[in-house]
Amino acid sequence: MEYPSIQILEKQFDDQPFRYPLFNHMLKLFFQDRREHYAWGAICATDLAYQLSLDRISFAEFGVASGNGLIELEKIALVLEAIYGIQIDVHGFDMGVGLPEIAGYRDLPNLWSKGYFPMDEQKLRSQLKKAELHLGNVSDTIPVFLDSSPSPVAFVAHDLDLYSSTINAFKLFEDKEDYLLPRVHIYFDDIIGFTYSKFNGERLAIEEFNARNEKRKIDQIYRLSFFLGKRTFWDESIYLLHIFDHALYAKNDGLLQISVIQNNNCPLD
């Protein structure tokens, strides 16, 4: 299938005050049968790279398990490469043998146990076209990944389930800005429903990351359903890593079309 360029697509929405109608159009047109929660974050991330004039970025999934999500993320990346003309590297991080040892109440032992979600590595590798697998504890694999000088990480799908694994994976977000976009879109899989709280799991990892870092913060994109035009199971699960002292943080990202807002007396004016 041939895909239109982003320049052609955005012309249809040059009278819109926000960039979101374009993203929603792309989501419906190209990713209806994909993982919407991955696709929307990936679209936003790639569009930010486009606004920043970058030619190569990375997507990552933490918690690969059977690989269904990584396979879809790879397919999403291939579509966005064709639309934006930006090369997208895809990385999957996983133990490879199921969940590690549960480290107390913060890892939600009422939900998870060691060995859950093992991977059939050979089968998964045979299904991947471009994604790279990083198998082992993230405490070990992330430093190796960073030593390889990867393209800047733009979108991350976090599905490690455990607080202990998630807080270790956040070491990626504390490294050099060269390996990160100034704002990284993140989907968190384990923060809504069940027994998740800011005292355990991914939410606790977010709380501790924010307390530890003065110039880097992770926070939700609020009221996303308003811009999506619908409620979804994932609209409260999309977050941003903000790197406030990143050299590109203040560069305009095109989310607001100020001329349209001013000329039409939009609510933000």
Protein backbone atom coordinates (compact mmCIF):
# COMPACT_ATOMS: atom_id res chain seq x y z
CA MET A 1 0.00 0.00 0.00
CA GLU A 2 1.20 3.48 -0.85
CA TYR A 3 0.77 6.18 1.78
CA PRO A 4 0.37 9.92 1.23
CA SER A 5 3.10 12.18 2.54
CA ILE A 6 2.55 14.18 5.70
CA GLN A 7 2.67 17.35 3.59
CA ILE A 8 -0.36 16.18 1.59
CA LEU A 9 -2.23 15.06 4.70
CA GLU A 10 -1.68 18.25 6.67
CA LYS A 11 -3.05 20.43 3.87
CA GLN A 12 -6.50 18.98 4.62
CA PHE A 13 -6.28 20.38 8.16
CA ASP A 14 -4.58 23.73 7.70
CA ASP A 15 -7.78 25.50 8.87
CA GLN A 16 -7.82 23.65 12.20
CA PRO A 17 -6.62 25.39 15.38
CA PHE A 18 -5.00 22.20 16.72
CA ARG A 19 -2.88 19.43 15.22
CA TYR A 20 -5.04 16.74 16.86
CA PRO A 21 -7.68 16.43 14.08
CA LEU A 22 -4.85 15.43 11.74
CA PHE A 23 -3.63 12.80 14.21
CA ASN A 24 -7.15 11.44 14.67
CA HIS A 25 -7.64 11.27 10.89
CA MET A 26 -4.41 9.30 10.53
CA LEU A 27 -5.42 7.00 13.38
CA LYS A 28 -8.73 6.17 11.73
CA LEU A 29 -7.38 5.95 8.18
CA PHE A 30 -4.23 3.88 8.71
CA PHE A 31 -4.38 2.25 12.14
CA GLN A 32 -7.97 1.14 12.72
CA ASP A 33 -6.93 -2.49 13.04
CA ARG A 34 -3.72 -1.71 14.93
CA ARG A 35 -3.22 -1.02 18.62
CA GLU A 36 -4.74 2.45 18.80
CA HIS A 37 -3.00 3.24 22.08
CA TYR A 38 0.37 2.50 20.49
CA ALA A 39 -0.49 4.16 17.19
CA TRP A 40 -1.70 7.46 18.67
CA GLY A 41 1.39 7.91 20.83
CA ALA A 42 3.60 6.90 17.91
CA ILE A 43 1.89 9.40 15.57
CA CYS A 44 2.38 12.23 18.08
CA ALA A 45 6.00 11.23 18.64
CA THR A 46 6.82 11.06 14.94
CA ASP A 47 5.10 14.36 14.30
CA LEU A 48 7.22 15.98 17.01
CA ALA A 49 10.35 14.62 15.32
CA TYR A 50 9.04 16.07 12.04
CA GLN A 51 8.54 19.49 13.63
CA LEU A 52 12.08 19.29 15.04
CA SER A 53 13.50 18.37 11.60
CA LEU A 54 14.90 15.03 12.80
CA ASP A 55 15.47 12.24 10.30
CA ARG A 56 15.73 9.23 12.61
CA ILE A 57 14.09 8.24 15.91
CA SER A 58 13.39 5.16 18.04
CA PHE A 59 10.28 3.48 19.40
CA ALA A 60 10.57 1.07 22.34
CA GLU A 61 8.35 -1.45 24.07
CA PHE A 62 9.23 -2.49 27.62
CA GLY A 63 7.57 -5.81 28.35
CA VAL A 64 7.34 -7.80 25.11
CA ALA A 65 6.08 -11.22 26.33
CA SER A 66 4.53 -13.06 23.35
CA GLY A 67 5.47 -10.18 21.06
CA ASN A 68 2.05 -9.18 19.77
CA GLY A 69 2.58 -5.57 20.81
CA LEU A 70 6.09 -5.36 19.37
CA ILE A 71 4.93 -6.78 16.06
CA GLU A 72 2.19 -4.14 15.89
CA LEU A 73 4.60 -1.38 16.91
CA GLU A 74 6.88 -2.45 14.10
CA LYS A 75 4.01 -2.26 11.60
CA ILE A 76 3.00 1.17 12.92
CA ALA A 77 6.59 2.36 12.53
CA LEU A 78 6.73 1.20 8.90
CA VAL A 79 3.57 3.16 8.05
CA LEU A 80 4.83 6.30 9.77
CA GLU A 81 8.19 5.99 8.03
CA ALA A 82 6.38 6.06 4.69
CA ILE A 83 4.23 9.06 5.64
CA TYR A 84 6.86 11.21 7.34
CA GLY A 85 10.05 10.12 5.58
CA ILE A 86 11.68 9.60 8.98
CA GLN A 87 13.57 6.40 9.78
CA ILE A 88 12.17 4.68 12.87
CA ASP A 89 14.15 2.07 14.79
CA VAL A 90 12.10 -0.31 16.95
CA HIS A 91 13.36 -1.93 20.15
CA GLY A 92 11.80 -4.49 22.47
CA PHE A 93 13.00 -5.03 26.06
CA ASP A 94 12.04 -8.15 28.00
CA MET A 95 13.44 -10.76 30.39
CA GLY A 96 12.60 -13.41 27.80
CA VAL A 97 11.65 -15.96 30.48
CA GLY A 98 8.65 -14.28 32.08
CA LEU A 99 8.38 -11.89 34.99
CA PRO A 100 11.31 -11.78 37.46
CA GLU A 101 11.07 -12.32 41.21
CA ILE A 102 8.29 -10.25 42.80
CA ALA A 103 9.86 -7.69 45.16
CA GLY A 104 7.19 -7.11 47.78
CA TYR A 105 3.91 -5.20 47.85
CA ARG A 106 5.11 -2.52 45.40
CA ASP A 107 5.22 -5.18 42.67
CA LEU A 108 1.52 -6.06 43.23
CA PRO A 109 1.93 -9.72 44.22
CA ASN A 110 -1.86 -10.00 44.30
CA LEU A 111 -1.76 -9.70 40.50
CA TRP A 112 1.64 -10.99 39.34
CA SER A 113 3.94 -13.94 39.99
CA LYS A 114 7.41 -14.89 38.82
CA GLY A 115 7.39 -16.50 35.38
CA TYR A 116 4.21 -14.90 34.07
CA PHE A 117 4.24 -14.00 30.34
CA PRO A 118 7.18 -16.06 29.01
CA MET A 119 8.43 -15.51 25.46
CA ASP A 120 8.83 -17.97 22.60
CA GLU A 121 11.96 -16.21 21.37
CA GLN A 122 12.49 -18.23 18.20
CA LYS A 123 8.89 -17.82 17.07
CA LEU A 124 8.91 -14.08 17.76
CA ARG A 125 12.20 -13.45 15.96
CA SER A 126 10.79 -15.22 12.89
CA GLN A 127 7.88 -12.71 12.84
CA LEU A 128 9.91 -9.53 13.20
CA LYS A 129 11.10 -7.51 10.21
CA LYS A 130 13.17 -4.74 11.77
CA ALA A 131 12.66 -4.66 15.53
CA GLU A 132 15.62 -5.48 17.76
CA LEU A 133 15.17 -7.57 20.89
CA HIS A 134 17.07 -6.75 24.08
CA LEU A 135 16.68 -9.74 26.39
CA GLY A 136 17.58 -9.77 30.06
CA ASN A 137 17.06 -7.56 33.07
CA VAL A 138 16.59 -3.93 32.01
CA SER A 139 19.26 -2.94 34.53
CA ASP A 140 21.70 -4.75 32.25
CA THR A 141 20.20 -4.20 28.79
CA ILE A 142 19.57 -0.44 28.96
CA PRO A 143 23.25 0.49 29.52
CA VAL A 144 24.22 -1.70 26.55
CA PHE A 145 21.48 -0.08 24.48
CA LEU A 146 22.70 3.42 25.37
CA ASP A 147 26.31 2.46 24.61
CA SER A 148 25.18 1.71 21.04
CA SER A 149 24.31 5.43 20.54
CA PRO A 150 20.68 4.84 19.50
CA SER A 151 18.56 7.32 17.59
CA PRO A 152 16.53 9.53 19.97
CA VAL A 153 13.72 7.69 21.73
CA ALA A 154 10.39 9.28 20.79
CA PHE A 155 7.71 6.81 21.93
CA VAL A 156 7.75 4.16 24.66
CA ALA A 157 5.11 1.56 25.48
CA HIS A 158 5.59 0.55 29.13
CA ASP A 159 4.21 -2.87 30.05
CA LEU A 160 6.67 -4.27 32.56
CA ASP A 161 3.88 -4.80 35.14
CA LEU A 162 6.16 -4.45 38.16
CA TYR A 163 7.31 -1.39 40.07
CA SER A 164 10.84 -2.79 40.38
CA SER A 165 11.24 -3.37 36.65
CA THR A 166 9.63 -0.04 35.71
CA ILE A 167 11.82 2.06 38.01
CA ASN A 168 14.90 0.35 36.53
CA ALA A 169 13.66 1.00 32.99
CA PHE A 170 13.31 4.71 33.81
CA LYS A 171 17.12 4.90 33.81
CA LEU A 172 16.68 5.39 30.07
CA PHE A 173 14.90 8.68 30.78
CA GLU A 174 17.78 9.93 32.93
CA ASP A 175 20.48 9.57 30.30
CA LYS A 176 21.92 12.07 27.81
CA GLU A 177 19.44 14.21 25.91
CA ASP A 178 21.04 13.03 22.65
CA TYR A 179 19.13 9.77 23.06
CA LEU A 180 15.76 11.33 23.86
CA LEU A 181 13.32 13.74 22.27
CA PRO A 182 12.60 16.80 24.44
CA ARG A 183 9.16 15.31 25.07
CA VAL A 184 8.81 11.54 24.91
CA HIS A 185 5.31 10.10 24.49
CA ILE A 186 4.68 7.14 26.80
CA TYR A 187 1.83 4.65 27.03
CA PHE A 188 1.53 3.00 30.46
CA ASP A 189 -0.35 -0.28 30.41
CA ASP A 190 -0.74 -0.87 34.14
CA ILE A 191 -2.11 2.28 35.77
CA ILE A 192 -5.91 2.07 35.52
CA GLY A 193 -8.31 -0.22 37.35
CA PHE A 194 -7.48 -3.28 39.45
CA THR A 195 -5.37 -2.39 42.52
CA TYR A 196 -3.00 0.11 40.87
CA SER A 197 -2.20 3.22 42.89
CA LYS A 198 0.51 5.83 43.36
CA PHE A 199 1.88 3.59 46.11
CA ASN A 200 2.63 0.59 43.88
CA GLY A 201 3.42 -0.46 40.31
CA GLU A 202 4.02 1.97 37.48
CA ARG A 203 2.37 4.90 39.27
CA LEU A 204 4.79 4.60 42.21
CA ALA A 205 7.72 4.44 39.77
CA ILE A 206 6.46 7.67 38.16
CA GLU A 207 6.10 9.36 41.57
CA GLU A 208 9.66 8.43 42.55
CA PHE A 209 11.13 9.43 39.19
CA ASN A 210 9.55 12.87 39.48
CA ALA A 211 10.75 13.31 43.04
CA ARG A 212 14.29 12.37 42.04
CA ASN A 213 14.59 14.58 38.94
CA GLU A 214 14.32 18.36 39.02
CA LYS A 215 14.45 19.01 35.26
CA ARG A 216 12.75 15.84 34.02
CA LYS A 217 9.15 15.00 34.84
CA ILE A 218 6.63 12.38 33.71
CA ASP A 219 2.99 13.45 33.66
CA GLN A 220 -0.29 12.55 32.03
CA ILE A 221 -1.66 14.34 28.97
CA TYR A 222 -4.84 15.63 30.61
CA ARG A 223 -8.35 15.34 29.14
CA LEU A 224 -7.06 13.61 26.04
CA SER A 225 -10.55 12.27 25.33
CA PHE A 226 -11.63 15.84 24.51
CA PHE A 227 -9.13 16.02 21.65
CA LEU A 228 -9.77 12.44 20.57
CA GLY A 229 -13.50 13.16 20.40
CA LYS A 230 -14.25 9.94 22.27
CA ARG A 231 -13.56 8.05 25.46
CA THR A 232 -11.28 5.06 25.15
CA PHE A 233 -9.76 2.57 27.58
CA TRP A 234 -6.39 4.23 26.96
CA ASP A 235 -7.02 7.99 26.92
CA GLU A 236 -5.89 8.28 30.56
CA SER A 237 -2.80 6.16 29.92
CA ILE A 238 -0.84 8.48 27.59
CA TYR A 239 1.90 10.43 29.35
CA LEU A 240 4.80 12.68 28.43
CA LEU A 241 8.35 12.73 29.69
CA HIS A 242 9.29 16.42 29.79
CA ILE A 243 13.00 17.26 29.61
CA PHE A 244 12.86 20.93 30.51
CA ASP A 245 16.55 21.65 29.92
CA HIS A 246 16.70 19.81 26.57
CA ALA A 247 18.20 22.00 23.86
CA LEU A 248 15.08 21.49 21.70
CA TYR A 249 12.42 21.75 24.42
CA ALA A 250 11.38 25.31 23.53
CA LYS A 251 11.21 24.77 19.78
CA ASN A 252 7.63 25.11 18.50
CA ASP A 253 5.99 21.72 18.03
CA GLY A 254 3.09 22.86 15.81
CA LEU A 255 0.33 21.54 18.09
CA LEU A 256 -1.31 24.97 18.06
CA GLN A 257 -1.85 26.83 14.77
CA ILE A 258 -1.79 30.33 16.21
CA SER A 259 -2.83 32.14 13.03
CA VAL A 260 -6.01 30.04 12.80
CA ILE A 261 -6.77 30.59 16.49
CA GLN A 262 -6.33 34.36 16.22
CA ASN A 263 -8.30 34.73 12.98
CA ASN A 264 -11.26 32.68 14.21
CA ASN A 265 -11.51 33.83 17.83
CA CYS A 266 -10.95 30.32 19.09
CA PRO A 267 -11.34 29.65 22.84
CA LEU A 268 -7.58 29.71 23.45
CA ASP A 269 -7.22 33.24 22.11
